[in-house]
Amino acid sequence: MHGSRGSAHLVMKCKFCSRESSIEIVRGKERPFTADDEQSYVPFLTMDCRGMEPIEFEAPNTGFLAKSVKGTVFSEVDLSEGDWTDFDEAGNMSVGLYELTSTLKVTAHHK
């Protein structure tokens, strides 16, 4: 960041007031979504936002890894169509992810 020892994943400068704002991705608060999490949300991204507040989130579509309850790993899971299905040969069963949704939770932290 300009004039600072700090760094961020995203730095933006306001074209009206020239104020710099930033977003840093915080590691260690995310966790995998499991079969036990059906019907609930799981945190997979935490951001420290300085000078800006996200108002909308669109989940990524590709680059996911899925693991069946029998242990078969499916890499390159593509969610661009909204759902994903495959067949687990080792478990002799169909596997899939359906009707995935995301939510944006904004929490204010004051020091």
C-alpha atoms as a PDB file:
ATOM      1  CA  MET A   1       0.000   0.000   0.000  1.00  0.00           C
ATOM      2  CA  HIS A   2       1.302   3.413  -0.893  1.00  0.00           C
ATOM      3  CA  GLY A   3       3.235   5.065   1.951  1.00  0.00           C
ATOM      4  CA  SER A   4       2.844   2.062   4.245  1.00  0.00           C
ATOM      5  CA  ARG A   5       4.705  -1.076   5.284  1.00  0.00           C
ATOM      6  CA  GLY A   6       1.444  -2.992   5.057  1.00  0.00           C
ATOM      7  CA  SER A   7       0.121  -5.023   2.175  1.00  0.00           C
ATOM      8  CA  ALA A   8      -3.327  -6.041   0.986  1.00  0.00           C
ATOM      9  CA  HIS A   9      -4.924  -8.290  -1.598  1.00  0.00           C
ATOM     10  CA  LEU A  10      -6.902  -5.379  -3.062  1.00  0.00           C
ATOM     11  CA  VAL A  11      -6.084  -1.673  -2.855  1.00  0.00           C
ATOM     12  CA  MET A  12      -8.330   0.976  -4.424  1.00  0.00           C
ATOM     13  CA  LYS A  13      -8.003   4.735  -4.579  1.00  0.00           C
ATOM     14  CA  CYS A  14     -11.089   6.962  -4.665  1.00  0.00           C
ATOM     15  CA  LYS A  15     -11.032   9.122  -7.783  1.00  0.00           C
ATOM     16  CA  PHE A  16     -12.868  11.928  -5.948  1.00  0.00           C
ATOM     17  CA  CYS A  17     -10.974  12.233  -2.631  1.00  0.00           C
ATOM     18  CA  SER A  18      -7.844  10.144  -3.407  1.00  0.00           C
ATOM     19  CA  ARG A  19      -8.330   8.108  -0.204  1.00  0.00           C
ATOM     20  CA  GLU A  20      -6.871   4.604  -0.353  1.00  0.00           C
ATOM     21  CA  SER A  21      -8.988   1.648   0.798  1.00  0.00           C
ATOM     22  CA  SER A  22      -7.980  -1.995   1.061  1.00  0.00           C
ATOM     23  CA  ILE A  23      -9.139  -5.573   1.509  1.00  0.00           C
ATOM     24  CA  GLU A  24      -6.937  -8.245   3.088  1.00  0.00           C
ATOM     25  CA  ILE A  25      -7.941 -11.930   3.028  1.00  0.00           C
ATOM     26  CA  VAL A  26      -7.719 -13.389   6.554  1.00  0.00           C
ATOM     27  CA  ARG A  27      -6.520 -16.992   6.654  1.00  0.00           C
ATOM     28  CA  GLY A  28      -7.459 -19.599   9.272  1.00  0.00           C
ATOM     29  CA  LYS A  29     -11.182 -18.910   9.698  1.00  0.00           C
ATOM     30  CA  GLU A  30     -12.385 -20.960   6.734  1.00  0.00           C
ATOM     31  CA  ARG A  31     -13.301 -24.649   6.846  1.00  0.00           C
ATOM     32  CA  PRO A  32     -14.465 -27.309   4.396  1.00  0.00           C
ATOM     33  CA  PHE A  33     -18.175 -27.855   3.717  1.00  0.00           C
ATOM     34  CA  THR A  34     -19.125 -31.407   4.746  1.00  0.00           C
ATOM     35  CA  ALA A  35     -22.208 -33.615   4.447  1.00  0.00           C
ATOM     36  CA  ASP A  36     -23.073 -32.627   8.043  1.00  0.00           C
ATOM     37  CA  ASP A  37     -23.355 -28.984   6.947  1.00  0.00           C
ATOM     38  CA  GLU A  38     -26.374 -29.524   4.694  1.00  0.00           C
ATOM     39  CA  GLN A  39     -28.857 -26.662   5.080  1.00  0.00           C
ATOM     40  CA  SER A  40     -26.294 -24.373   6.737  1.00  0.00           C
ATOM     41  CA  TYR A  41     -23.635 -21.885   5.696  1.00  0.00           C
ATOM     42  CA  VAL A  42     -19.922 -22.516   6.179  1.00  0.00           C
ATOM     43  CA  PRO A  43     -17.326 -19.715   6.275  1.00  0.00           C
ATOM     44  CA  PHE A  44     -14.844 -20.101   3.427  1.00  0.00           C
ATOM     45  CA  LEU A  45     -13.595 -16.515   3.108  1.00  0.00           C
ATOM     46  CA  THR A  46     -12.946 -13.821   5.710  1.00  0.00           C
ATOM     47  CA  MET A  47     -11.836 -10.338   4.676  1.00  0.00           C
ATOM     48  CA  ASP A  48     -10.462  -7.404   6.661  1.00  0.00           C
ATOM     49  CA  CYS A  49     -11.875  -4.341   4.887  1.00  0.00           C
ATOM     50  CA  ARG A  50     -10.388  -0.897   5.541  1.00  0.00           C
ATOM     51  CA  GLY A  51     -12.234   2.108   4.145  1.00  0.00           C
ATOM     52  CA  MET A  52     -14.720   0.073   2.098  1.00  0.00           C
ATOM     53  CA  GLU A  53     -17.565  -2.340   2.688  1.00  0.00           C
ATOM     54  CA  PRO A  54     -18.527  -5.152   0.287  1.00  0.00           C
ATOM     55  CA  ILE A  55     -22.195  -4.993  -0.703  1.00  0.00           C
ATOM     56  CA  GLU A  56     -22.497  -8.088  -2.887  1.00  0.00           C
ATOM     57  CA  PHE A  57     -20.718 -11.420  -3.267  1.00  0.00           C
ATOM     58  CA  GLU A  58     -20.673 -13.857  -6.157  1.00  0.00           C
ATOM     59  CA  ALA A  59     -19.156 -17.235  -5.345  1.00  0.00           C
ATOM     60  CA  PRO A  60     -16.476 -18.582  -7.681  1.00  0.00           C
ATOM     61  CA  ASN A  61     -17.555 -21.250 -10.174  1.00  0.00           C
ATOM     62  CA  THR A  62     -14.417 -23.319 -10.689  1.00  0.00           C
ATOM     63  CA  GLY A  63     -11.383 -24.611  -8.839  1.00  0.00           C
ATOM     64  CA  PHE A  64     -13.229 -26.580  -6.174  1.00  0.00           C
ATOM     65  CA  LEU A  65     -12.232 -29.970  -4.820  1.00  0.00           C
ATOM     66  CA  ALA A  66     -14.866 -32.473  -3.659  1.00  0.00           C
ATOM     67  CA  LYS A  67     -14.397 -35.632  -1.612  1.00  0.00           C
ATOM     68  CA  SER A  68     -17.106 -38.313  -1.376  1.00  0.00           C
ATOM     69  CA  VAL A  69     -18.081 -39.901   1.931  1.00  0.00           C
ATOM     70  CA  LYS A  70     -16.226 -43.003   0.668  1.00  0.00           C
ATOM     71  CA  GLY A  71     -13.014 -40.973   0.233  1.00  0.00           C
ATOM     72  CA  THR A  72     -12.876 -40.523  -3.540  1.00  0.00           C
ATOM     73  CA  VAL A  73     -11.420 -37.125  -4.476  1.00  0.00           C
ATOM     74  CA  PHE A  74     -12.862 -35.177  -7.402  1.00  0.00           C
ATOM     75  CA  SER A  75     -10.609 -32.335  -8.532  1.00  0.00           C
ATOM     76  CA  GLU A  76     -11.551 -29.528 -10.911  1.00  0.00           C
ATOM     77  CA  VAL A  77     -15.193 -29.409  -9.754  1.00  0.00           C
ATOM     78  CA  ASP A  78     -17.028 -26.945 -12.009  1.00  0.00           C
ATOM     79  CA  LEU A  79     -20.032 -25.184 -10.441  1.00  0.00           C
ATOM     80  CA  SER A  80     -20.643 -22.788 -13.345  1.00  0.00           C
ATOM     81  CA  GLU A  81     -23.953 -24.525 -14.105  1.00  0.00           C
ATOM     82  CA  GLY A  82     -25.037 -24.245 -10.454  1.00  0.00           C
ATOM     83  CA  ASP A  83     -24.982 -27.982  -9.748  1.00  0.00           C
ATOM     84  CA  TRP A  84     -22.303 -30.675 -10.086  1.00  0.00           C
ATOM     85  CA  THR A  85     -22.685 -34.449 -10.386  1.00  0.00           C
ATOM     86  CA  ASP A  86     -20.336 -37.370 -10.924  1.00  0.00           C
ATOM     87  CA  PHE A  87     -20.088 -41.059 -10.121  1.00  0.00           C
ATOM     88  CA  ASP A  88     -17.912 -42.511  -7.359  1.00  0.00           C
ATOM     89  CA  GLU A  89     -16.628 -45.818  -8.745  1.00  0.00           C
ATOM     90  CA  ALA A  90     -15.081 -46.894  -5.420  1.00  0.00           C
ATOM     91  CA  GLY A  91     -18.305 -46.285  -3.504  1.00  0.00           C
ATOM     92  CA  ASN A  92     -20.544 -47.334  -6.419  1.00  0.00           C
ATOM     93  CA  MET A  93     -22.743 -44.274  -5.923  1.00  0.00           C
ATOM     94  CA  SER A  94     -23.729 -41.000  -7.520  1.00  0.00           C
ATOM     95  CA  VAL A  95     -22.290 -37.882  -5.900  1.00  0.00           C
ATOM     96  CA  GLY A  96     -23.241 -34.260  -6.368  1.00  0.00           C
ATOM     97  CA  LEU A  97     -23.623 -30.706  -5.143  1.00  0.00           C
ATOM     98  CA  TYR A  98     -27.011 -29.090  -5.699  1.00  0.00           C
ATOM     99  CA  GLU A  99     -28.615 -25.691  -5.161  1.00  0.00           C
ATOM    100  CA  LEU A 100     -25.522 -24.033  -3.696  1.00  0.00           C
ATOM    101  CA  THR A 101     -26.057 -20.519  -2.389  1.00  0.00           C
ATOM    102  CA  SER A 102     -23.837 -17.952  -0.734  1.00  0.00           C
ATOM    103  CA  THR A 103     -24.387 -15.083   1.627  1.00  0.00           C
ATOM    104  CA  LEU A 104     -22.374 -12.038   2.565  1.00  0.00           C
ATOM    105  CA  LYS A 105     -22.147 -11.327   6.275  1.00  0.00           C
ATOM    106  CA  VAL A 106     -20.668  -7.935   7.168  1.00  0.00           C
ATOM    107  CA  THR A 107     -19.529  -7.410  10.752  1.00  0.00           C
ATOM    108  CA  ALA A 108     -18.157  -4.123  12.069  1.00  0.00           C
ATOM    109  CA  HIS A 109     -15.141  -4.329  14.355  1.00  0.00           C
ATOM    110  CA  HIS A 110     -14.020  -1.213  16.191  1.00  0.00           C
ATOM    111  CA  LYS A 111     -10.754  -0.990  18.084  1.00  0.00           C
END
